[in-house]
Protein backbone atom coordinates (compact mmCIF):
# COMPACT_ATOMS: atom_id res chain seq x y z
CA MET A 1 0.46 -0.19 0.27
CA LYS A 2 2.32 2.07 0.60
CA ARG A 3 4.50 1.41 -1.58
CA ASN A 4 1.33 2.49 -3.77
CA VAL A 5 1.26 5.97 -2.10
CA ASN A 6 4.71 6.38 -2.97
CA ILE A 7 4.51 4.92 -6.73
CA LEU A 8 0.90 7.28 -7.25
CA LYS A 9 3.12 10.87 -5.52
CA LEU A 10 5.71 10.66 -7.66
CA VAL A 11 3.26 10.37 -10.90
CA LEU A 12 1.49 13.37 -9.60
CA LEU A 13 5.34 15.87 -9.37
CA LEU A 14 5.76 14.14 -12.54
CA GLY A 15 2.27 15.74 -13.93
CA VAL A 16 2.65 19.37 -12.43
CA VAL A 17 6.40 18.89 -14.35
CA VAL A 18 5.26 18.06 -17.34
CA PHE A 19 2.38 20.78 -16.55
CA LEU A 20 4.94 23.88 -15.73
CA TYR A 21 7.27 23.19 -18.48
CA SER A 22 3.80 23.92 -20.86
CA PHE A 23 2.74 26.42 -19.59
CA GLY A 24 6.14 27.92 -19.36
CA ASN A 25 7.68 27.01 -22.93
CA LYS A 26 3.91 28.87 -24.00
CA ARG A 27 3.98 31.33 -21.72
CA ASN A 28 7.46 32.34 -23.38
CA SER A 29 6.74 31.33 -27.08
CA LYS A 30 4.05 34.18 -26.84
CA ARG A 31 6.55 36.62 -25.64
CA THR A 32 7.85 39.42 -27.32
CA LEU A 33 11.21 41.98 -27.68
CA SER A 34 10.79 45.34 -25.19
CA LYS A 35 13.22 47.25 -26.74
CA VAL A 36 16.85 47.10 -28.01
CA ASN A 37 19.81 47.74 -26.26
CA ILE A 38 23.05 48.07 -28.23
CA GLU A 39 25.98 48.99 -26.71
CA PHE A 40 29.53 50.41 -28.30
CA ILE A 41 32.66 48.09 -25.86
CA ASP A 42 35.13 49.75 -28.08
CA ALA A 43 36.46 53.61 -27.76
CA ASN A 44 36.51 54.71 -31.08
CA SER A 45 33.61 56.93 -31.87
CA PRO A 46 30.92 55.61 -33.45
CA PHE A 47 32.01 54.47 -37.47
CA ILE A 48 27.83 53.05 -37.50
CA THR A 49 24.45 54.16 -36.43
CA HIS A 50 22.70 52.79 -33.83
CA LYS A 51 20.35 52.55 -36.70
CA THR A 52 21.76 50.46 -38.30
CA VAL A 53 23.19 47.91 -36.04
CA ASN A 54 19.17 47.43 -35.63
CA LYS A 55 18.08 47.18 -38.86
CA LEU A 56 21.37 44.59 -39.20
CA LEU A 57 19.74 43.49 -35.88
CA ILE A 58 16.10 43.23 -36.97
CA GLN A 59 15.15 42.55 -40.75
CA SER A 60 11.82 41.66 -40.54
CA ALA A 61 9.58 43.56 -38.44
CA ASP A 62 7.84 46.67 -38.70
CA THR A 63 7.63 46.84 -34.78
CA LEU A 64 9.50 45.12 -31.56
CA THR A 65 6.48 43.97 -30.69
CA ASP A 66 5.83 41.80 -34.68
CA ILE A 67 9.00 39.50 -32.93
CA ALA A 68 8.76 36.88 -30.66
CA ILE A 69 11.15 36.01 -28.55
CA GLU A 70 11.42 32.28 -28.92
CA GLY A 71 12.28 32.93 -32.78
CA LEU A 72 15.00 35.39 -32.99
CA ASP A 73 17.95 33.02 -34.68
CA LEU A 74 20.69 35.45 -32.01
CA MET A 75 23.17 33.01 -34.66
CA SER A 76 22.43 34.41 -37.76
CA MET A 77 21.94 37.81 -36.13
CA GLU A 78 25.68 38.05 -35.13
CA GLN A 79 26.58 36.88 -38.26
CA ARG A 80 25.30 40.12 -39.88
CA LEU A 81 26.59 42.17 -37.79
CA ASN A 82 30.41 40.28 -38.58
CA GLN A 83 29.04 40.76 -42.25
CA ASN A 84 29.40 44.34 -41.59
CA PRO A 85 32.87 46.03 -43.02
CA MET A 86 32.69 48.40 -40.09
CA ILE A 87 32.82 45.87 -37.28
CA ARG A 88 34.89 43.62 -35.68
CA SER A 89 33.38 42.01 -33.46
CA SER A 90 29.99 41.36 -31.60
CA GLU A 91 27.48 39.35 -28.95
CA VAL A 92 24.22 39.56 -29.42
CA PHE A 93 21.41 38.12 -26.82
CA VAL A 94 18.29 38.60 -24.92
CA THR A 95 17.88 38.80 -21.35
CA ILE A 96 15.47 37.67 -18.87
CA ASP A 97 12.55 40.51 -19.31
CA GLY A 98 12.54 40.87 -23.18
CA VAL A 99 15.17 42.88 -24.33
CA LEU A 100 17.82 42.04 -27.61
CA GLY A 101 20.70 43.11 -26.67
CA ALA A 102 24.24 43.75 -28.70
CA LYS A 103 27.89 44.14 -27.66
CA ILE A 104 29.80 46.52 -30.70
CA GLU A 105 33.31 46.70 -31.16
CA GLN A 106 34.45 48.01 -34.13
CA ARG A 107 37.26 47.94 -36.20
CA ASP A 108 39.94 50.00 -34.70
CA PRO A 109 41.91 52.23 -37.85
CA ILE A 110 45.57 53.86 -38.03
CA GLY A 111 45.68 55.24 -41.21
CA ARG A 112 44.03 56.39 -43.96
CA VAL A 113 45.62 54.30 -46.82
CA TRP A 114 45.49 57.40 -50.21
CA ALA A 115 46.10 54.34 -53.15
CA SER A 116 46.07 56.21 -57.04
CA ASN A 117 42.55 55.08 -57.41
CA GLU A 118 40.51 54.55 -54.01
CA VAL A 119 41.46 56.05 -50.58
CA TYR A 120 40.49 53.44 -47.55
CA TYR A 121 41.75 52.32 -43.94
CA ILE A 122 43.95 50.80 -42.42
CA ASP A 123 42.77 48.28 -39.10
CA ALA A 124 44.44 47.80 -35.93
CA ASP A 125 45.17 44.59 -37.45
CA GLY A 126 46.40 45.43 -40.72
CA LYS A 127 43.37 44.87 -42.96
CA PRO A 128 41.68 47.52 -44.94
CA MET A 129 38.81 49.19 -43.79
CA PRO A 130 36.23 51.61 -45.86
CA LEU A 131 35.58 54.91 -44.56
CA SER A 132 33.09 55.35 -43.02
CA GLU A 133 30.35 57.91 -44.13
CA VAL A 134 29.11 58.36 -40.33
CA TYR A 135 32.70 59.54 -39.28
CA SER A 136 36.24 60.44 -40.18
CA ALA A 137 39.44 59.48 -38.04
CA ARG A 138 42.65 61.34 -37.35
CA VAL A 139 45.28 59.51 -38.22
CA PRO A 140 48.03 59.57 -40.14
CA ILE A 141 47.30 59.33 -44.16
CA VAL A 142 49.34 56.78 -46.23
CA THR A 143 51.17 56.53 -48.97
CA GLY A 144 53.31 53.52 -51.94
CA VAL A 145 51.49 50.69 -50.65
CA VAL A 146 49.18 47.65 -52.11
CA GLU A 147 47.40 46.13 -49.95
CA GLU A 148 49.94 43.83 -49.56
CA ASP A 149 52.31 46.62 -47.56
CA LEU A 150 49.85 46.61 -45.30
CA GLU A 151 50.51 43.72 -42.66
CA ALA A 152 53.68 45.30 -41.95
CA ILE A 153 53.38 48.84 -41.53
CA THR A 154 51.00 48.32 -39.26
CA PRO A 155 53.10 47.98 -36.13
CA LEU A 156 54.42 50.71 -36.08
CA LEU A 157 51.56 52.65 -37.62
CA LEU A 158 50.13 51.63 -34.21
CA LYS A 159 52.96 52.34 -31.79
CA ILE A 160 52.45 56.39 -33.83
CA ARG A 161 49.62 56.15 -32.47
CA ASP A 162 49.95 54.80 -28.47
CA ASP A 163 52.72 57.40 -28.49
CA GLU A 164 52.04 61.18 -27.32
CA PHE A 165 54.46 62.86 -29.07
CA MET A 166 55.27 60.99 -32.04
CA ASN A 167 51.20 60.97 -31.82
CA ARG A 168 51.39 64.30 -32.47
CA MET A 169 54.46 64.71 -34.79
CA VAL A 170 53.66 62.73 -37.96
CA VAL A 171 50.76 63.33 -40.07
CA GLY A 172 51.82 61.47 -42.79
CA LEU A 173 53.79 57.96 -43.50
CA ASN A 174 54.88 56.88 -46.91
CA LYS A 175 56.98 53.80 -48.59
CA THR A 176 58.97 54.42 -51.42
CA ASN A 177 60.32 52.73 -54.48
CA ASN A 178 62.26 50.82 -51.75
CA GLY A 179 60.55 50.42 -49.29
CA GLU A 180 61.80 51.98 -46.46
CA VAL A 181 59.44 53.97 -44.50
CA GLU A 182 59.63 58.33 -44.94
CA LEU A 183 57.85 60.15 -42.19
CA GLU A 184 55.34 63.81 -42.92
CA LEU A 185 56.26 66.14 -40.30
CA ARG A 186 53.66 68.13 -38.82
CA ASN A 187 54.42 71.98 -39.24
CA SER A 188 57.45 71.04 -40.98
CA ASN A 189 58.78 71.02 -44.26
CA LEU A 190 61.41 68.76 -42.51
CA LYS A 191 61.62 64.45 -43.59
CA ALA A 192 62.71 62.02 -41.54
CA LEU A 193 63.51 59.48 -43.08
CA PHE A 194 62.52 56.10 -40.91
CA GLY A 195 64.39 53.84 -42.96
CA GLN A 196 62.41 49.90 -42.27
CA PRO A 197 59.81 49.58 -40.00
CA ASN A 198 62.49 47.71 -37.64
CA HIS A 199 63.93 48.91 -34.13
CA ILE A 200 60.88 51.47 -33.42
CA ASP A 201 61.39 52.33 -30.52
CA LYS A 202 64.74 52.85 -30.76
CA LYS A 203 64.14 54.78 -33.81
CA PHE A 204 61.59 57.43 -32.43
CA GLN A 205 64.11 57.48 -29.24
CA ASN A 206 66.69 58.93 -31.45
CA PHE A 207 64.48 60.96 -33.28
CA LYS A 208 62.82 62.35 -29.63
CA ALA A 209 66.61 62.80 -29.57
CA PHE A 210 67.54 65.10 -31.87
CA TYR A 211 63.91 67.53 -32.09
CA LYS A 212 64.42 68.48 -28.05
CA LYS A 213 67.61 69.43 -28.61
CA THR A 214 67.73 71.34 -32.26
CA ILE A 215 64.24 73.39 -31.35
CA GLN A 216 65.74 74.94 -28.51
CA ASP A 217 68.14 76.61 -30.10
CA SER A 218 65.80 76.66 -33.26
CA THR A 219 68.63 75.19 -35.38
CA ILE A 220 66.14 72.23 -36.34
CA TYR A 221 64.59 74.39 -38.98
CA GLY A 222 67.91 74.40 -41.08
CA TYR A 223 67.85 71.31 -41.54
CA GLU A 224 66.17 69.76 -44.50
CA LYS A 225 66.27 65.89 -43.65
CA ILE A 226 67.43 63.74 -41.28
CA ASN A 227 68.13 60.21 -41.20
CA LEU A 228 66.89 57.81 -38.20
CA LYS A 229 67.73 55.15 -40.27
CA PHE A 230 70.42 53.67 -38.58
CA GLU A 231 69.82 52.72 -34.33
CA ASN A 232 72.62 53.82 -33.14
CA GLN A 233 73.17 57.75 -34.47
CA VAL A 234 71.14 59.84 -36.10
CA ILE A 235 72.12 61.89 -39.51
CA ALA A 236 71.27 65.04 -40.08
CA THR A 237 70.93 66.74 -43.92
CA LYS A 238 71.94 70.88 -43.57
CA LYS A 239 68.58 72.91 -46.24
CA ARG A 240 71.24 74.16 -48.97
CA ILE A 241 71.63 78.77 -49.62
């Protein structure tokens, strides 16, 4: 008798669990989104608008109340976002209170490439990135390169951006026919021959020492070119009179 009672209790318990599960599924199937929350997790100004991200997330419905949470394909949403040329990565999720969330990491431009037939950014991963219609990044102009050169000059561009002094001084980079790099300096006709994009920290150190010394006595204005190609010295060429 006691055994039958225990079996009956177990059956009743299972029935309650099945009922609650079915009830919860039915209720969740009718739940719709309450809003969309888009968050840019990088420090860059937006190169893509919230409106554009919203359209990539929700393509087929006119209003949020038309979208059932159960039918959301979060993986497809992430794939659509990641295919956008301004987005580096994304994470899409739904909260328990019906909010569709999207965390967006934008691509990070570090240089603007001027090629013979196009203009585009180079990003922090060393890849080409199209210009944005929303925001224009203030980054050095890069000339004389093709797409195959971008990876090689990326470390130099990153170092320039992260160094307060060099970031303020350098407005452009030019790759010469022999594969070396020239730096274009702000408010100066002085050319800096950087050479190959290697030994960057040491060359920066040499340039800063030369600039500090020559700017104090104004002798810097008597030079037309400085050569930073050699790791242990700076060779300066005076202007012709």
